[in-house]
């Protein structure tokens, strides 16, 4: 057979790839978690950044407190807190799921888009990411300077309109280089959710290892997949920044 004349490393590699359906399901789940967590983090992080910068004494302190607490505690602890909290408070969350099954190359592949543990994972990753994104966005807001907002107000614009129409358009474009760090790091954070039973790519890798006992080969393949994903994200954000960069800045 062809495997008998191939080096052992290649044979091991091909053996792991026989479980391509598990790798595909895990990769899809990882990207699903990533996209929703990144979006949640952005839409929470932007208000946090604005509140910390313009929210006044009380709201600014509330935003600062949230950011510091989240950034100062381990992500794993936050995940377990949200996972066990409903059970500790006797809140019934039930067991439910939304999934799609399809036949690809003769194999039935089931992708669970949302269930109670996936929802907890997305919330944890999103709430955690929001704190980091808020600081990146706040830095870009501060870079615009107060002079432009004061000039807008002197022309009759309200403070809110000045922030929305003068400060934010510039700040969001300036934020891309720093914000891309969080966008590139977040896929690696998703692996932690396998500890609560989410079947992302690390959980699927554990299943493959239990079937093949090829631990090193399996994790090398997973690492290469993450390398490709993060490289593509970084390249895409570089292109976006070049196309939206403010001339002269």
Protein backbone atom coordinates (compact mmCIF):
# COMPACT_ATOMS: atom_id res chain seq x y z
CA UNK A 1 0.00 0.00 0.00
CA UNK A 2 1.10 3.59 -0.54
CA UNK A 3 1.32 4.27 3.22
CA UNK A 4 3.99 1.58 3.53
CA UNK A 5 6.47 3.52 1.35
CA UNK A 6 5.89 6.94 2.89
CA UNK A 7 7.85 8.41 5.82
CA UNK A 8 6.19 7.94 9.20
CA UNK A 9 5.61 11.70 9.66
CA UNK A 10 3.65 11.92 6.41
CA UNK A 11 1.67 8.80 7.28
CA UNK A 12 0.76 10.33 10.64
CA UNK A 13 -0.23 13.57 8.92
CA UNK A 14 -2.48 11.76 6.44
CA UNK A 15 -3.96 9.67 9.24
CA UNK A 16 -5.06 12.80 11.09
CA UNK A 17 -6.46 14.32 7.89
CA UNK A 18 -8.75 11.30 7.56
CA UNK A 19 -10.74 13.07 10.27
CA UNK A 20 -11.19 16.12 8.04
CA UNK A 21 -14.88 16.27 8.89
CA UNK A 22 -14.09 16.80 12.59
CA UNK A 23 -11.50 19.43 11.68
CA UNK A 24 -14.04 21.19 9.44
CA UNK A 25 -16.72 21.22 12.14
CA UNK A 26 -14.25 22.48 14.75
CA UNK A 27 -12.93 25.19 12.44
CA UNK A 28 -16.45 26.35 11.57
CA UNK A 29 -17.38 26.52 15.26
CA UNK A 30 -14.20 28.43 16.09
CA UNK A 31 -14.88 31.01 13.38
CA UNK A 32 -18.53 31.25 14.47
CA UNK A 33 -17.43 32.03 18.03
CA UNK A 34 -14.82 34.48 16.76
CA UNK A 35 -17.12 36.53 14.55
CA UNK A 36 -19.88 36.91 17.14
CA UNK A 37 -17.46 37.60 20.00
CA UNK A 38 -15.62 40.23 17.95
CA UNK A 39 -18.88 41.96 16.98
CA UNK A 40 -20.22 41.85 20.54
CA UNK A 41 -16.92 43.18 21.83
CA UNK A 42 -16.96 46.06 19.35
CA UNK A 43 -20.54 47.15 19.96
CA UNK A 44 -19.96 47.07 23.72
CA UNK A 45 -16.41 48.39 23.59
CA UNK A 46 -17.24 51.51 21.59
CA UNK A 47 -19.78 52.85 24.13
CA UNK A 48 -17.37 51.96 26.94
CA UNK A 49 -14.62 53.96 25.25
CA UNK A 50 -16.90 56.97 24.76
CA UNK A 51 -18.22 56.77 28.32
CA UNK A 52 -14.73 56.61 29.75
CA UNK A 53 -13.66 59.61 27.69
CA UNK A 54 -16.81 61.76 27.72
CA UNK A 55 -19.13 60.19 30.28
CA UNK A 56 -18.54 62.53 33.17
CA UNK A 57 -17.43 61.57 36.66
CA UNK A 58 -19.90 58.75 37.41
CA UNK A 59 -20.27 57.04 34.02
CA UNK A 60 -16.57 57.34 33.33
CA UNK A 61 -15.78 55.58 36.61
CA UNK A 62 -18.31 52.84 35.88
CA UNK A 63 -16.76 52.22 32.45
CA UNK A 64 -13.25 52.32 33.92
CA UNK A 65 -14.23 49.88 36.66
CA UNK A 66 -15.64 47.39 34.17
CA UNK A 67 -12.58 47.62 31.94
CA UNK A 68 -10.12 47.21 34.80
CA UNK A 69 -11.99 44.29 36.39
CA UNK A 70 -12.28 42.38 33.12
CA UNK A 71 -8.69 43.04 32.08
CA UNK A 72 -7.43 42.22 35.57
CA UNK A 73 -9.06 38.80 35.93
CA UNK A 74 -8.33 35.57 34.03
CA UNK A 75 -10.53 34.77 31.04
CA UNK A 76 -10.93 31.20 32.31
CA UNK A 77 -12.33 32.49 35.62
CA UNK A 78 -14.79 34.70 33.73
CA UNK A 79 -15.87 31.73 31.61
CA UNK A 80 -16.49 29.51 34.63
CA UNK A 81 -18.31 32.34 36.40
CA UNK A 82 -20.82 32.74 33.57
CA UNK A 83 -21.09 28.97 33.13
CA UNK A 84 -21.81 28.10 36.76
CA UNK A 85 -23.69 31.26 37.78
CA UNK A 86 -27.11 30.18 36.41
CA UNK A 87 -26.84 26.85 38.22
CA UNK A 88 -25.77 28.54 41.46
CA UNK A 89 -28.76 30.90 41.28
CA UNK A 90 -31.13 28.09 40.26
CA UNK A 91 -31.91 29.83 36.97
CA UNK A 92 -33.36 27.28 34.51
CA UNK A 93 -31.53 27.59 31.21
CA UNK A 94 -32.58 24.22 29.80
CA UNK A 95 -30.91 22.27 27.03
CA UNK A 96 -31.63 23.50 23.52
CA UNK A 97 -29.72 23.81 20.26
CA UNK A 98 -29.93 25.07 16.71
CA UNK A 99 -27.98 22.97 14.26
CA UNK A 100 -27.62 22.10 10.58
CA UNK A 101 -26.75 18.67 9.20
CA UNK A 102 -25.47 18.08 5.69
CA UNK A 103 -23.81 15.33 3.69
CA UNK A 104 -20.37 16.25 2.36
CA UNK A 105 -18.37 13.70 0.38
CA UNK A 106 -20.34 10.86 1.90
CA UNK A 107 -20.02 11.99 5.51
CA UNK A 108 -22.81 13.48 7.59
CA UNK A 109 -21.60 16.69 9.21
CA UNK A 110 -23.59 18.36 11.97
CA UNK A 111 -22.82 21.95 12.92
CA UNK A 112 -24.37 23.26 16.13
CA UNK A 113 -24.74 27.00 15.58
CA UNK A 114 -26.16 27.84 18.97
CA UNK A 115 -26.88 26.09 22.24
CA UNK A 116 -26.70 27.13 25.87
CA UNK A 117 -22.95 26.54 26.25
CA UNK A 118 -22.15 28.20 22.91
CA UNK A 119 -24.14 31.23 24.04
CA UNK A 120 -22.19 31.36 27.30
CA UNK A 121 -18.93 31.09 25.35
CA UNK A 122 -19.88 33.94 23.00
CA UNK A 123 -20.96 36.15 25.91
CA UNK A 124 -17.75 35.48 27.83
CA UNK A 125 -15.46 36.10 24.87
CA UNK A 126 -17.44 39.16 23.80
CA UNK A 127 -17.58 40.75 27.25
CA UNK A 128 -13.86 40.11 27.71
CA UNK A 129 -12.97 41.45 24.27
CA UNK A 130 -15.09 44.57 24.88
CA UNK A 131 -12.74 45.70 27.65
CA UNK A 132 -9.68 45.44 25.43
CA UNK A 133 -11.36 46.92 22.38
CA UNK A 134 -12.58 49.83 24.52
CA UNK A 135 -9.00 50.79 25.36
CA UNK A 136 -7.87 50.60 21.73
CA UNK A 137 -10.83 52.71 20.66
CA UNK A 138 -10.37 55.20 23.51
CA UNK A 139 -6.78 55.72 22.47
CA UNK A 140 -7.87 56.60 18.94
CA UNK A 141 -10.59 58.92 20.27
CA UNK A 142 -7.99 60.74 22.38
CA UNK A 143 -5.71 61.08 19.35
CA UNK A 144 -8.28 63.24 17.58
CA UNK A 145 -7.83 65.94 20.20
CA UNK A 146 -10.30 68.16 21.99
CA UNK A 147 -9.75 71.11 19.68
CA UNK A 148 -11.87 69.68 16.88
CA UNK A 149 -14.78 68.97 19.22
CA UNK A 150 -14.54 72.47 20.66
CA UNK A 151 -14.48 73.93 17.15
CA UNK A 152 -17.59 71.93 16.22
CA UNK A 153 -19.40 73.21 19.30
CA UNK A 154 -18.39 76.78 18.50
CA UNK A 155 -20.10 76.37 15.12
CA UNK A 156 -23.35 75.41 16.81
CA UNK A 157 -23.08 71.61 16.89
CA UNK A 158 -24.10 69.85 20.07
CA UNK A 159 -21.53 67.86 22.01
CA UNK A 160 -23.20 64.60 20.94
CA UNK A 161 -23.25 65.60 17.26
CA UNK A 162 -19.63 66.66 17.43
CA UNK A 163 -18.61 63.29 18.85
CA UNK A 164 -20.69 61.32 16.33
CA UNK A 165 -19.88 63.32 13.20
CA UNK A 166 -16.43 64.79 13.86
CA UNK A 167 -14.56 62.64 16.38
CA UNK A 168 -15.81 59.11 15.69
CA UNK A 169 -15.26 58.98 11.89
CA UNK A 170 -11.61 59.91 12.39
CA UNK A 171 -11.13 57.81 15.51
CA UNK A 172 -12.48 54.61 13.96
CA UNK A 173 -10.11 54.90 11.01
CA UNK A 174 -7.15 55.63 13.26
CA UNK A 175 -8.05 52.73 15.54
CA UNK A 176 -7.59 50.01 12.92
CA UNK A 177 -3.84 49.32 13.46
CA UNK A 178 -4.19 48.96 17.25
CA UNK A 179 -7.63 47.34 17.11
CA UNK A 180 -6.29 44.72 14.69
CA UNK A 181 -4.24 43.31 17.58
CA UNK A 182 -7.42 42.26 19.37
CA UNK A 183 -8.94 41.00 16.12
CA UNK A 184 -5.87 38.82 15.55
CA UNK A 185 -5.57 37.59 19.16
CA UNK A 186 -9.23 36.69 19.65
CA UNK A 187 -9.20 33.46 17.55
CA UNK A 188 -6.55 32.07 19.92
CA UNK A 189 -8.69 32.90 22.95
CA UNK A 190 -11.56 30.78 21.61
CA UNK A 191 -9.72 27.55 22.40
CA UNK A 192 -10.40 28.05 26.10
CA UNK A 193 -14.13 27.37 25.70
CA UNK A 194 -13.55 23.66 25.10
CA UNK A 195 -13.27 23.44 28.91
CA UNK A 196 -17.07 23.88 29.18
CA UNK A 197 -17.85 21.47 26.36
CA UNK A 198 -17.98 23.68 23.27
CA UNK A 199 -16.94 21.54 20.30
CA UNK A 200 -14.56 24.03 18.69
CA UNK A 201 -11.34 23.00 16.97
CA UNK A 202 -9.43 22.10 20.16
CA UNK A 203 -12.25 19.86 21.34
CA UNK A 204 -12.27 18.17 17.94
CA UNK A 205 -8.50 17.79 18.15
CA UNK A 206 -8.90 15.99 21.47
CA UNK A 207 -11.35 13.60 19.82
CA UNK A 208 -8.92 12.93 16.96
CA UNK A 209 -6.11 12.26 19.45
CA UNK A 210 -8.29 9.78 21.34
CA UNK A 211 -8.85 7.92 18.07
CA UNK A 212 -5.33 8.05 16.61
CA UNK A 213 -3.02 8.71 19.60
CA UNK A 214 -1.16 11.16 17.32
CA UNK A 215 -0.97 14.04 19.78
CA UNK A 216 1.94 16.00 18.31
CA UNK A 217 0.80 15.70 14.70
CA UNK A 218 -2.75 16.75 15.56
CA UNK A 219 -1.67 19.83 17.47
CA UNK A 220 0.77 20.81 14.72
CA UNK A 221 -2.11 20.75 12.23
CA UNK A 222 -4.27 22.83 14.59
CA UNK A 223 -1.42 25.32 15.05
CA UNK A 224 -0.98 25.62 11.28
CA UNK A 225 -4.70 26.26 10.86
CA UNK A 226 -4.55 29.08 13.42
CA UNK A 227 -1.45 30.49 11.74
CA UNK A 228 -3.28 30.68 8.41
CA UNK A 229 -6.42 32.20 9.98
CA UNK A 230 -4.55 34.89 11.90
CA UNK A 231 -2.32 35.72 8.92
CA UNK A 232 -5.39 36.22 6.72
CA UNK A 233 -7.09 38.39 9.35
CA UNK A 234 -3.98 40.54 9.78
CA UNK A 235 -3.50 40.91 6.03
CA UNK A 236 -7.16 41.81 5.54
CA UNK A 237 -7.00 44.49 8.23
CA UNK A 238 -3.79 45.90 6.75
CA UNK A 239 -5.56 46.29 3.41
CA UNK A 240 -8.57 47.88 5.12
CA UNK A 241 -6.37 50.38 6.93
CA UNK A 242 -4.53 51.40 3.77
CA UNK A 243 -7.82 51.99 1.98
CA UNK A 244 -9.35 54.02 4.81
CA UNK A 245 -6.26 55.84 6.09
CA UNK A 246 -6.62 59.59 6.49
CA UNK A 247 -4.21 61.30 4.04
CA UNK A 248 -1.39 63.12 5.78
CA UNK A 249 -1.78 61.29 9.10
